[in-house]
PDB file of N, CA and C in Angstrom:
ATOM      1  N   MET A   1       1.941  26.723  63.961  1.00  0.00           N
ATOM      2  CA  MET A   1       2.169  25.518  63.179  1.00  0.00           C
ATOM      3  C   MET A   1       2.851  24.444  64.034  1.00  0.00           C
ATOM      4  N   ILE A   2       3.752  24.882  64.889  1.00  0.00           N
ATOM      5  CA  ILE A   2       4.469  23.917  65.728  1.00  0.00           C
ATOM      6  C   ILE A   2       3.517  23.269  66.730  1.00  0.00           C
ATOM      7  N   VAL A   3       2.541  24.032  67.232  1.00  0.00           N
ATOM      8  CA  VAL A   3       1.551  23.452  68.149  1.00  0.00           C
ATOM      9  C   VAL A   3       0.747  22.371  67.429  1.00  0.00           C
ATOM     10  N   LEU A   4       0.305  22.644  66.201  1.00  0.00           N
ATOM     11  CA  LEU A   4      -0.435  21.634  65.434  1.00  0.00           C
ATOM     12  C   LEU A   4       0.411  20.382  65.217  1.00  0.00           C
ATOM     13  N   TYR A   5       1.663  20.585  64.847  1.00  0.00           N
ATOM     14  CA  TYR A   5       2.564  19.465  64.602  1.00  0.00           C
ATOM     15  C   TYR A   5       2.761  18.645  65.874  1.00  0.00           C
ATOM     16  N   CYS A   6       3.029  19.324  66.979  1.00  0.00           N
ATOM     17  CA  CYS A   6       3.286  18.627  68.240  1.00  0.00           C
ATOM     18  C   CYS A   6       2.051  17.848  68.682  1.00  0.00           C
ATOM     19  N   ARG A   7       0.884  18.479  68.568  1.00  0.00           N
ATOM     20  CA  ARG A   7      -0.358  17.811  68.947  1.00  0.00           C
ATOM     21  C   ARG A   7      -0.586  16.559  68.088  1.00  0.00           C
ATOM     22  N   GLY A   8      -0.294  16.661  66.803  1.00  0.00           N
ATOM     23  CA  GLY A   8      -0.515  15.542  65.895  1.00  0.00           C
ATOM     24  C   GLY A   8       0.512  14.426  66.013  1.00  0.00           C
ATOM     25  N   HIS A   9       1.750  14.782  66.342  1.00  0.00           N
ATOM     26  CA  HIS A   9       2.820  13.783  66.393  1.00  0.00           C
ATOM     27  C   HIS A   9       3.192  13.321  67.789  1.00  0.00           C
ATOM     28  N   HIS A  10       2.983  14.182  68.768  1.00  0.00           N
ATOM     29  CA  HIS A  10       3.434  13.849  70.121  1.00  0.00           C
ATOM     30  C   HIS A  10       2.281  13.761  71.112  1.00  0.00           C
ATOM     31  N   GLY A  11       1.048  13.933  70.621  1.00  0.00           N
ATOM     32  CA  GLY A  11      -0.143  13.720  71.437  1.00  0.00           C
ATOM     33  C   GLY A  11      -0.391  14.748  72.518  1.00  0.00           C
ATOM     34  N   GLY A  12       0.297  15.874  72.466  1.00  0.00           N
ATOM     35  CA  GLY A  12       0.103  16.888  73.492  1.00  0.00           C
ATOM     36  C   GLY A  12      -1.129  17.725  73.230  1.00  0.00           C
ATOM     37  N   GLY A  13      -1.537  18.470  74.219  1.00  0.00           N
ATOM     38  CA  GLY A  13      -2.633  19.417  74.066  1.00  0.00           C
ATOM     39  C   GLY A  13      -2.072  20.738  73.612  1.00  0.00           C
ATOM     40  N   ARG A  14      -2.304  21.761  74.397  1.00  0.00           N
ATOM     41  CA  ARG A  14      -1.757  23.085  74.088  1.00  0.00           C
ATOM     42  C   ARG A  14      -0.299  23.205  74.496  1.00  0.00           C
ATOM     43  N   GLU A  15       0.144  22.372  75.403  1.00  0.00           N
ATOM     44  CA  GLU A  15       1.533  22.407  75.862  1.00  0.00           C
ATOM     45  C   GLU A  15       2.427  21.677  74.871  1.00  0.00           C
ATOM     46  N   LEU A  16       3.551  22.276  74.545  1.00  0.00           N
ATOM     47  CA  LEU A  16       4.504  21.657  73.630  1.00  0.00           C
ATOM     48  C   LEU A  16       5.417  20.701  74.384  1.00  0.00           C
ATOM     49  N   CYS A  17       5.842  19.651  73.701  1.00  0.00           N
ATOM     50  CA  CYS A  17       6.855  18.778  74.274  1.00  0.00           C
ATOM     51  C   CYS A  17       8.185  19.533  74.281  1.00  0.00           C
ATOM     52  N   ASP A  18       9.179  18.987  74.937  1.00  0.00           N
ATOM     53  CA  ASP A  18      10.469  19.677  75.058  1.00  0.00           C
ATOM     54  C   ASP A  18      11.118  19.932  73.696  1.00  0.00           C
ATOM     55  N   ASP A  19      11.054  18.941  72.792  1.00  0.00           N
ATOM     56  CA  ASP A  19      11.670  19.102  71.467  1.00  0.00           C
ATOM     57  C   ASP A  19      10.994  20.213  70.671  1.00  0.00           C
ATOM     58  N   CYS A  20       9.671  20.229  70.702  1.00  0.00           N
ATOM     59  CA  CYS A  20       8.944  21.254  69.948  1.00  0.00           C
ATOM     60  C   CYS A  20       9.093  22.623  70.589  1.00  0.00           C
ATOM     61  N   ARG A  21       9.174  22.697  71.908  1.00  0.00           N
ATOM     62  CA  ARG A  21       9.410  23.969  72.599  1.00  0.00           C
ATOM     63  C   ARG A  21      10.775  24.523  72.199  1.00  0.00           C
ATOM     64  N   GLU A  22      11.773  23.650  72.126  1.00  0.00           N
ATOM     65  CA  GLU A  22      13.121  24.071  71.735  1.00  0.00           C
ATOM     66  C   GLU A  22      13.107  24.582  70.292  1.00  0.00           C
ATOM     67  N   LEU A  23      12.379  23.905  69.403  1.00  0.00           N
ATOM     68  CA  LEU A  23      12.292  24.327  68.008  1.00  0.00           C
ATOM     69  C   LEU A  23      11.585  25.682  67.898  1.00  0.00           C
ATOM     70  N   LEU A  24      10.523  25.875  68.651  1.00  0.00           N
ATOM     71  CA  LEU A  24       9.816  27.148  68.642  1.00  0.00           C
ATOM     72  C   LEU A  24      10.707  28.273  69.160  1.00  0.00           C
ATOM     73  N   ASP A  25      11.429  28.022  70.226  1.00  0.00           N
ATOM     74  CA  ASP A  25      12.347  29.034  70.762  1.00  0.00           C
ATOM     75  C   ASP A  25      13.423  29.384  69.746  1.00  0.00           C
ATOM     76  N   TYR A  26      13.962  28.372  69.078  1.00  0.00           N
ATOM     77  CA  TYR A  26      14.995  28.593  68.053  1.00  0.00           C
ATOM     78  C   TYR A  26      14.424  29.429  66.901  1.00  0.00           C
ATOM     79  N   ALA A  27      13.248  29.057  66.416  1.00  0.00           N
ATOM     80  CA  ALA A  27      12.629  29.770  65.296  1.00  0.00           C
ATOM     81  C   ALA A  27      12.349  31.223  65.671  1.00  0.00           C
ATOM     82  N   THR A  28      11.868  31.444  66.877  1.00  0.00           N
ATOM     83  CA  THR A  28      11.585  32.801  67.336  1.00  0.00           C
ATOM     84  C   THR A  28      12.855  33.642  67.391  1.00  0.00           C
ATOM     85  N   ARG A  29      13.925  33.072  67.919  1.00  0.00           N
ATOM     86  CA  ARG A  29      15.205  33.801  67.969  1.00  0.00           C
ATOM     87  C   ARG A  29      15.691  34.157  66.570  1.00  0.00           C
ATOM     88  N   ARG A  30      15.580  33.205  65.633  1.00  0.00           N
ATOM     89  CA  ARG A  30      16.049  33.455  64.267  1.00  0.00           C
ATOM     90  C   ARG A  30      15.205  34.526  63.577  1.00  0.00           C
ATOM     91  N   LEU A  31      13.892  34.468  63.745  1.00  0.00           N
ATOM     92  CA  LEU A  31      13.025  35.463  63.111  1.00  0.00           C
ATOM     93  C   LEU A  31      13.221  36.847  63.716  1.00  0.00           C
ATOM     94  N   ASP A  32      13.534  36.905  65.000  1.00  0.00           N
ATOM     95  CA  ASP A  32      13.802  38.204  65.633  1.00  0.00           C
ATOM     96  C   ASP A  32      15.013  38.887  65.015  1.00  0.00           C
ATOM     97  N   LYS A  33      15.941  38.114  64.473  1.00  0.00           N
ATOM     98  CA  LYS A  33      17.161  38.658  63.882  1.00  0.00           C
ATOM     99  C   LYS A  33      17.084  38.796  62.361  1.00  0.00           C
ATOM    100  N   CYS A  34      15.936  38.501  61.785  1.00  0.00           N
ATOM    101  CA  CYS A  34      15.792  38.507  60.330  1.00  0.00           C
ATOM    102  C   CYS A  34      15.921  39.921  59.763  1.00  0.00           C
ATOM    103  N   PRO A  35      16.864  40.137  58.832  1.00  0.00           N
ATOM    104  CA  PRO A  35      17.028  41.464  58.243  1.00  0.00           C
ATOM    105  C   PRO A  35      15.901  41.824  57.263  1.00  0.00           C
ATOM    106  N   LEU A  36      15.109  40.853  56.842  1.00  0.00           N
ATOM    107  CA  LEU A  36      14.032  41.101  55.880  1.00  0.00           C
ATOM    108  C   LEU A  36      12.658  41.175  56.537  1.00  0.00           C
ATOM    109  N   MET A  37      12.596  41.182  57.840  1.00  0.00           N
ATOM    110  CA  MET A  37      11.322  41.025  58.535  1.00  0.00           C
ATOM    111  C   MET A  37      10.257  42.003  58.049  1.00  0.00           C
ATOM    112  N   ALA A  38      10.610  43.248  57.780  1.00  0.00           N
ATOM    113  CA  ALA A  38       9.613  44.216  57.327  1.00  0.00           C
ATOM    114  C   ALA A  38       9.022  43.834  55.969  1.00  0.00           C
ATOM    115  N   HIS A  39       9.783  43.146  55.147  1.00  0.00           N
ATOM    116  CA  HIS A  39       9.336  42.762  53.796  1.00  0.00           C
ATOM    117  C   HIS A  39       9.541  41.270  53.569  1.00  0.00           C
ATOM    118  N   LYS A  40       9.421  40.483  54.609  1.00  0.00           N
ATOM    119  CA  LYS A  40       9.744  39.064  54.526  1.00  0.00           C
ATOM    120  C   LYS A  40       8.754  38.308  53.638  1.00  0.00           C
ATOM    121  N   PRO A  41       9.267  37.598  52.647  1.00  0.00           N
ATOM    122  CA  PRO A  41       8.400  36.731  51.852  1.00  0.00           C
ATOM    123  C   PRO A  41       8.161  35.420  52.611  1.00  0.00           C
ATOM    124  N   THR A  42       7.363  34.555  52.046  1.00  0.00           N
ATOM    125  CA  THR A  42       7.187  33.243  52.656  1.00  0.00           C
ATOM    126  C   THR A  42       8.521  32.499  52.608  1.00  0.00           C
ATOM    127  N   CYS A  43       8.682  31.523  53.458  1.00  0.00           N
ATOM    128  CA  CYS A  43       9.954  30.806  53.561  1.00  0.00           C
ATOM    129  C   CYS A  43      10.398  30.210  52.220  1.00  0.00           C
ATOM    130  N   ALA A  44       9.451  29.705  51.457  1.00  0.00           N
ATOM    131  CA  ALA A  44       9.787  29.068  50.179  1.00  0.00           C
ATOM    132  C   ALA A  44      10.407  30.055  49.190  1.00  0.00           C
ATOM    133  N   LYS A  45      10.081  31.341  49.321  1.00  0.00           N
ATOM    134  CA  LYS A  45      10.587  32.341  48.393  1.00  0.00           C
ATOM    135  C   LYS A  45      11.669  33.235  48.989  1.00  0.00           C
ATOM    136  N   CYS A  46      12.056  32.958  50.206  1.00  0.00           N
ATOM    137  CA  CYS A  46      13.021  33.821  50.890  1.00  0.00           C
ATOM    138  C   CYS A  46      14.450  33.559  50.390  1.00  0.00           C
ATOM    139  N   PRO A  47      15.205  34.614  50.098  1.00  0.00           N
ATOM    140  CA  PRO A  47      16.578  34.434  49.630  1.00  0.00           C
ATOM    141  C   PRO A  47      17.570  34.108  50.753  1.00  0.00           C
ATOM    142  N   ILE A  48      17.144  34.291  51.995  1.00  0.00           N
ATOM    143  CA  ILE A  48      18.012  34.034  53.140  1.00  0.00           C
ATOM    144  C   ILE A  48      17.502  32.810  53.883  1.00  0.00           C
ATOM    145  N   HIS A  49      18.397  31.884  54.194  1.00  0.00           N
ATOM    146  CA  HIS A  49      18.015  30.717  54.994  1.00  0.00           C
ATOM    147  C   HIS A  49      18.232  31.055  56.458  1.00  0.00           C
ATOM    148  N   CYS A  50      17.134  31.169  57.193  1.00  0.00           N
ATOM    149  CA  CYS A  50      17.205  31.574  58.609  1.00  0.00           C
ATOM    150  C   CYS A  50      17.742  30.468  59.501  1.00  0.00           C
ATOM    151  N   TYR A  51      17.476  29.238  59.122  1.00  0.00           N
ATOM    152  CA  TYR A  51      17.744  28.117  60.020  1.00  0.00           C
ATOM    153  C   TYR A  51      18.969  27.324  59.583  1.00  0.00           C
ATOM    154  N   GLU A  52      19.692  26.794  60.571  1.00  0.00           N
ATOM    155  CA  GLU A  52      20.776  25.874  60.234  1.00  0.00           C
ATOM    156  C   GLU A  52      20.154  24.620  59.628  1.00  0.00           C
ATOM    157  N   ARG A  53      20.943  23.860  58.891  1.00  0.00           N
ATOM    158  CA  ARG A  53      20.429  22.762  58.081  1.00  0.00           C
ATOM    159  C   ARG A  53      19.555  21.777  58.862  1.00  0.00           C
ATOM    160  N   SER A  54      19.989  21.327  60.029  1.00  0.00           N
ATOM    161  CA  SER A  54      19.216  20.328  60.773  1.00  0.00           C
ATOM    162  C   SER A  54      17.868  20.904  61.224  1.00  0.00           C
ATOM    163  N   LYS A  55      17.863  22.150  61.636  1.00  0.00           N
ATOM    164  CA  LYS A  55      16.611  22.783  62.063  1.00  0.00           C
ATOM    165  C   LYS A  55      15.712  23.062  60.859  1.00  0.00           C
ATOM    166  N   ARG A  56      16.319  23.378  59.728  1.00  0.00           N
ATOM    167  CA  ARG A  56      15.545  23.633  58.515  1.00  0.00           C
ATOM    168  C   ARG A  56      14.739  22.409  58.129  1.00  0.00           C
ATOM    169  N   GLU A  57      15.328  21.236  58.245  1.00  0.00           N
ATOM    170  CA  GLU A  57      14.599  19.999  57.925  1.00  0.00           C
ATOM    171  C   GLU A  57      13.438  19.782  58.885  1.00  0.00           C
ATOM    172  N   ARG A  58      13.659  20.089  60.159  1.00  0.00           N
ATOM    173  CA  ARG A  58      12.578  19.946  61.146  1.00  0.00           C
ATOM    174  C   ARG A  58      11.449  20.933  60.855  1.00  0.00           C
ATOM    175  N   ILE A  59      11.805  22.169  60.512  1.00  0.00           N
ATOM    176  CA  ILE A  59      10.794  23.179  60.190  1.00  0.00           C
ATOM    177  C   ILE A  59      10.018  22.776  58.943  1.00  0.00           C
ATOM    178  N   LYS A  60      10.696  22.240  57.950  1.00  0.00           N
ATOM    179  CA  LYS A  60      10.006  21.774  56.743  1.00  0.00           C
ATOM    180  C   LYS A  60       8.996  20.682  57.080  1.00  0.00           C
ATOM    181  N   SER A  61       9.367  19.765  57.972  1.00  0.00           N
ATOM    182  CA  SER A  61       8.439  18.711  58.396  1.00  0.00           C
ATOM    183  C   SER A  61       7.216  19.306  59.080  1.00  0.00           C
ATOM    184  N   VAL A  62       7.461  20.290  59.932  1.00  0.00           N
ATOM    185  CA  VAL A  62       6.355  20.962  60.621  1.00  0.00           C
ATOM    186  C   VAL A  62       5.432  21.625  59.601  1.00  0.00           C
ATOM    187  N   MET A  63       6.013  22.335  58.649  1.00  0.00           N
ATOM    188  CA  MET A  63       5.206  23.044  57.653  1.00  0.00           C
ATOM    189  C   MET A  63       4.425  22.089  56.754  1.00  0.00           C
ATOM    190  N   ARG A  64       5.078  20.987  56.364  1.00  0.00           N
ATOM    191  CA  ARG A  64       4.376  20.005  55.514  1.00  0.00           C
ATOM    192  C   ARG A  64       3.175  19.407  56.233  1.00  0.00           C
ATOM    193  N   TYR A  65       3.322  19.179  57.531  1.00  0.00           N
ATOM    194  CA  TYR A  65       2.225  18.598  58.300  1.00  0.00           C
ATOM    195  C   TYR A  65       1.161  19.642  58.621  1.00  0.00           C
ATOM    196  N   ALA A  66       1.582  20.775  59.168  1.00  0.00           N
ATOM    197  CA  ALA A  66       0.637  21.748  59.694  1.00  0.00           C
ATOM    198  C   ALA A  66       0.018  22.639  58.618  1.00  0.00           C
ATOM    199  N   GLY A  67       0.731  22.883  57.539  1.00  0.00           N
ATOM    200  CA  GLY A  67       0.226  23.774  56.498  1.00  0.00           C
ATOM    201  C   GLY A  67      -1.168  23.433  56.018  1.00  0.00           C
ATOM    202  N   PRO A  68      -1.402  22.211  55.546  1.00  0.00           N
ATOM    203  CA  PRO A  68      -2.748  21.860  55.074  1.00  0.00           C
ATOM    204  C   PRO A  68      -3.802  21.877  56.184  1.00  0.00           C
ATOM    205  N   ARG A  69      -3.412  21.712  57.419  1.00  0.00           N
ATOM    206  CA  ARG A  69      -4.365  21.691  58.538  1.00  0.00           C
ATOM    207  C   ARG A  69      -4.708  23.085  59.044  1.00  0.00           C
ATOM    208  N   MET A  70      -3.910  24.075  58.652  1.00  0.00           N
ATOM    209  CA  MET A  70      -4.142  25.447  59.113  1.00  0.00           C
ATOM    210  C   MET A  70      -5.509  25.973  58.677  1.00  0.00           C
ATOM    211  N   ILE A  71      -6.008  25.536  57.532  1.00  0.00           N
ATOM    212  CA  ILE A  71      -7.294  26.023  57.038  1.00  0.00           C
ATOM    213  C   ILE A  71      -8.426  25.687  58.008  1.00  0.00           C
ATOM    214  N   PHE A  72      -8.264  24.618  58.788  1.00  0.00           N
ATOM    215  CA  PHE A  72      -9.303  24.212  59.739  1.00  0.00           C
ATOM    216  C   PHE A  72      -9.142  24.873  61.105  1.00  0.00           C
ATOM    217  N   THR A  73      -7.919  25.209  61.481  1.00  0.00           N
ATOM    218  CA  THR A  73      -7.686  25.767  62.808  1.00  0.00           C
ATOM    219  C   THR A  73      -7.511  27.284  62.792  1.00  0.00           C
ATOM    220  N   HIS A  74      -6.914  27.805  61.738  1.00  0.00           N
ATOM    221  CA  HIS A  74      -6.684  29.250  61.608  1.00  0.00           C
ATOM    222  C   HIS A  74      -6.948  29.658  60.157  1.00  0.00           C
ATOM    223  N   PRO A  75      -8.217  29.642  59.730  1.00  0.00           N
ATOM    224  CA  PRO A  75      -8.505  29.873  58.310  1.00  0.00           C
ATOM    225  C   PRO A  75      -8.034  31.225  57.786  1.00  0.00           C
ATOM    226  N   ILE A  76      -8.140  32.279  58.567  1.00  0.00           N
ATOM    227  CA  ILE A  76      -7.726  33.597  58.084  1.00  0.00           C
ATOM    228  C   ILE A  76      -6.217  33.632  57.868  1.00  0.00           C
ATOM    229  N   LEU A  77      -5.456  33.090  58.824  1.00  0.00           N
ATOM    230  CA  LEU A  77      -3.999  33.038  58.656  1.00  0.00           C
ATOM    231  C   LEU A  77      -3.613  32.187  57.446  1.00  0.00           C
ATOM    232  N   ALA A  78      -4.315  31.083  57.240  1.00  0.00           N
ATOM    233  CA  ALA A  78      -4.017  30.217  56.093  1.00  0.00           C
ATOM    234  C   ALA A  78      -4.267  30.950  54.774  1.00  0.00           C
ATOM    235  N   ILE A  79      -5.353  31.697  54.719  1.00  0.00           N
ATOM    236  CA  ILE A  79      -5.667  32.450  53.495  1.00  0.00           C
ATOM    237  C   ILE A  79      -4.639  33.556  53.276  1.00  0.00           C
ATOM    238  N   LEU A  80      -4.296  34.277  54.336  1.00  0.00           N
ATOM    239  CA  LEU A  80      -3.287  35.333  54.203  1.00  0.00           C
ATOM    240  C   LEU A  80      -1.941  34.763  53.758  1.00  0.00           C
ATOM    241  N   HIS A  81      -1.580  33.600  54.270  1.00  0.00           N
ATOM    242  CA  HIS A  81      -0.329  32.961  53.857  1.00  0.00           C
ATOM    243  C   HIS A  81      -0.382  32.573  52.381  1.00  0.00           C
ATOM    244  N   SER A  82      -1.532  32.085  51.927  1.00  0.00           N
ATOM    245  CA  SER A  82      -1.684  31.729  50.511  1.00  0.00           C
ATOM    246  C   SER A  82      -1.538  32.964  49.624  1.00  0.00           C
ATOM    247  N   VAL A  83      -2.105  34.072  50.067  1.00  0.00           N
ATOM    248  CA  VAL A  83      -1.974  35.324  49.306  1.00  0.00           C
ATOM    249  C   VAL A  83      -0.515  35.754  49.272  1.00  0.00           C
ATOM    250  N   ASP A  84       0.157  35.698  50.431  1.00  0.00           N
ATOM    251  CA  ASP A  84       1.579  36.055  50.479  1.00  0.00           C
ATOM    252  C   ASP A  84       2.417  35.147  49.596  1.00  0.00           C
ATOM    253  N   SER A  85       2.060  33.879  49.528  1.00  0.00           N
ATOM    254  CA  SER A  85       2.810  32.926  48.705  1.00  0.00           C
ATOM    255  C   SER A  85       2.702  33.255  47.227  1.00  0.00           C
ATOM    256  N   ALA A  86       1.592  33.853  46.831  1.00  0.00           N
ATOM    257  CA  ALA A  86       1.386  34.176  45.422  1.00  0.00           C
ATOM    258  C   ALA A  86       2.134  35.435  44.999  1.00  0.00           C
ATOM    259  N   LYS A  87       2.507  36.271  45.970  1.00  0.00           N
ATOM    260  CA  LYS A  87       3.212  37.511  45.655  1.00  0.00           C
ATOM    261  C   LYS A  87       4.663  37.244  45.289  1.00  0.00           C
ATOM    262  N   THR A  88       5.196  38.099  44.435  1.00  0.00           N
ATOM    263  CA  THR A  88       6.622  38.073  44.124  1.00  0.00           C
ATOM    264  C   THR A  88       7.334  38.862  45.206  1.00  0.00           C
ATOM    265  N   PRO A  89       8.366  38.275  45.823  1.00  0.00           N
ATOM    266  CA  PRO A  89       9.053  39.017  46.891  1.00  0.00           C
ATOM    267  C   PRO A  89       9.736  40.261  46.364  1.00  0.00           C
ATOM    268  N   SER A  90       9.649  41.334  47.150  1.00  0.00           N
ATOM    269  CA  SER A  90      10.353  42.557  46.776  1.00  0.00           C
ATOM    270  C   SER A  90      11.775  42.473  47.285  1.00  0.00           C
ATOM    271  N   PRO A  91      12.704  43.095  46.563  1.00  0.00           N
ATOM    272  CA  PRO A  91      14.109  43.040  47.022  1.00  0.00           C
ATOM    273  C   PRO A  91      14.256  43.802  48.326  1.00  0.00           C
ATOM    274  N   PRO A  92      15.174  43.357  49.182  1.00  0.00           N
ATOM    275  CA  PRO A  92      15.375  44.041  50.451  1.00  0.00           C
ATOM    276  C   PRO A  92      15.890  45.462  50.228  1.00  0.00           C
ATOM    277  N   ARG A  93      15.433  46.371  51.071  1.00  0.00           N
ATOM    278  CA  ARG A  93      15.874  47.760  50.965  1.00  0.00           C
ATOM    279  C   ARG A  93      17.113  47.957  51.818  1.00  0.00           C
ATOM    280  N   ARG A  94      18.025  48.701  51.304  1.00  0.00           N
ATOM    281  CA  ARG A  94      19.245  49.025  52.048  1.00  0.00           C
ATOM    282  C   ARG A  94      19.036  50.345  52.769  1.00  0.00           C
ATOM    283  N   GLU A  95      19.387  50.345  54.037  1.00  0.00           N
ATOM    284  CA  GLU A  95      19.294  51.553  54.843  1.00  0.00           C
ATOM    285  C   GLU A  95      20.521  52.409  54.565  1.00  0.00           C
ATOM    286  N   ALA A  96      20.353  53.690  54.420  1.00  0.00           N
ATOM    287  CA  ALA A  96      21.481  54.592  54.147  1.00  0.00           C
ATOM    288  C   ALA A  96      22.058  55.136  55.431  1.00  0.00           C
TER     289      ALA A  96
END
């Protein structure tokens, strides 16, 4: 999604600009630490906010722009995301 956003807003090809590369690195680090990753719902339904407020706004902008365009560039991922969005998130399991 960040590649689509960067290409549309910053005119790049496959290479990300520095700002978008930093955002992608930040998002990757946060998702790597996500305690719900095995049962993670879509961001809109997630009970945990992974991103600090300023980054959350940037991610929302990326999603608003790239989400509708995903059907043309990655149709299977877009459909799977739509299916996931329709599901009710399951509560996180506690490890004993």
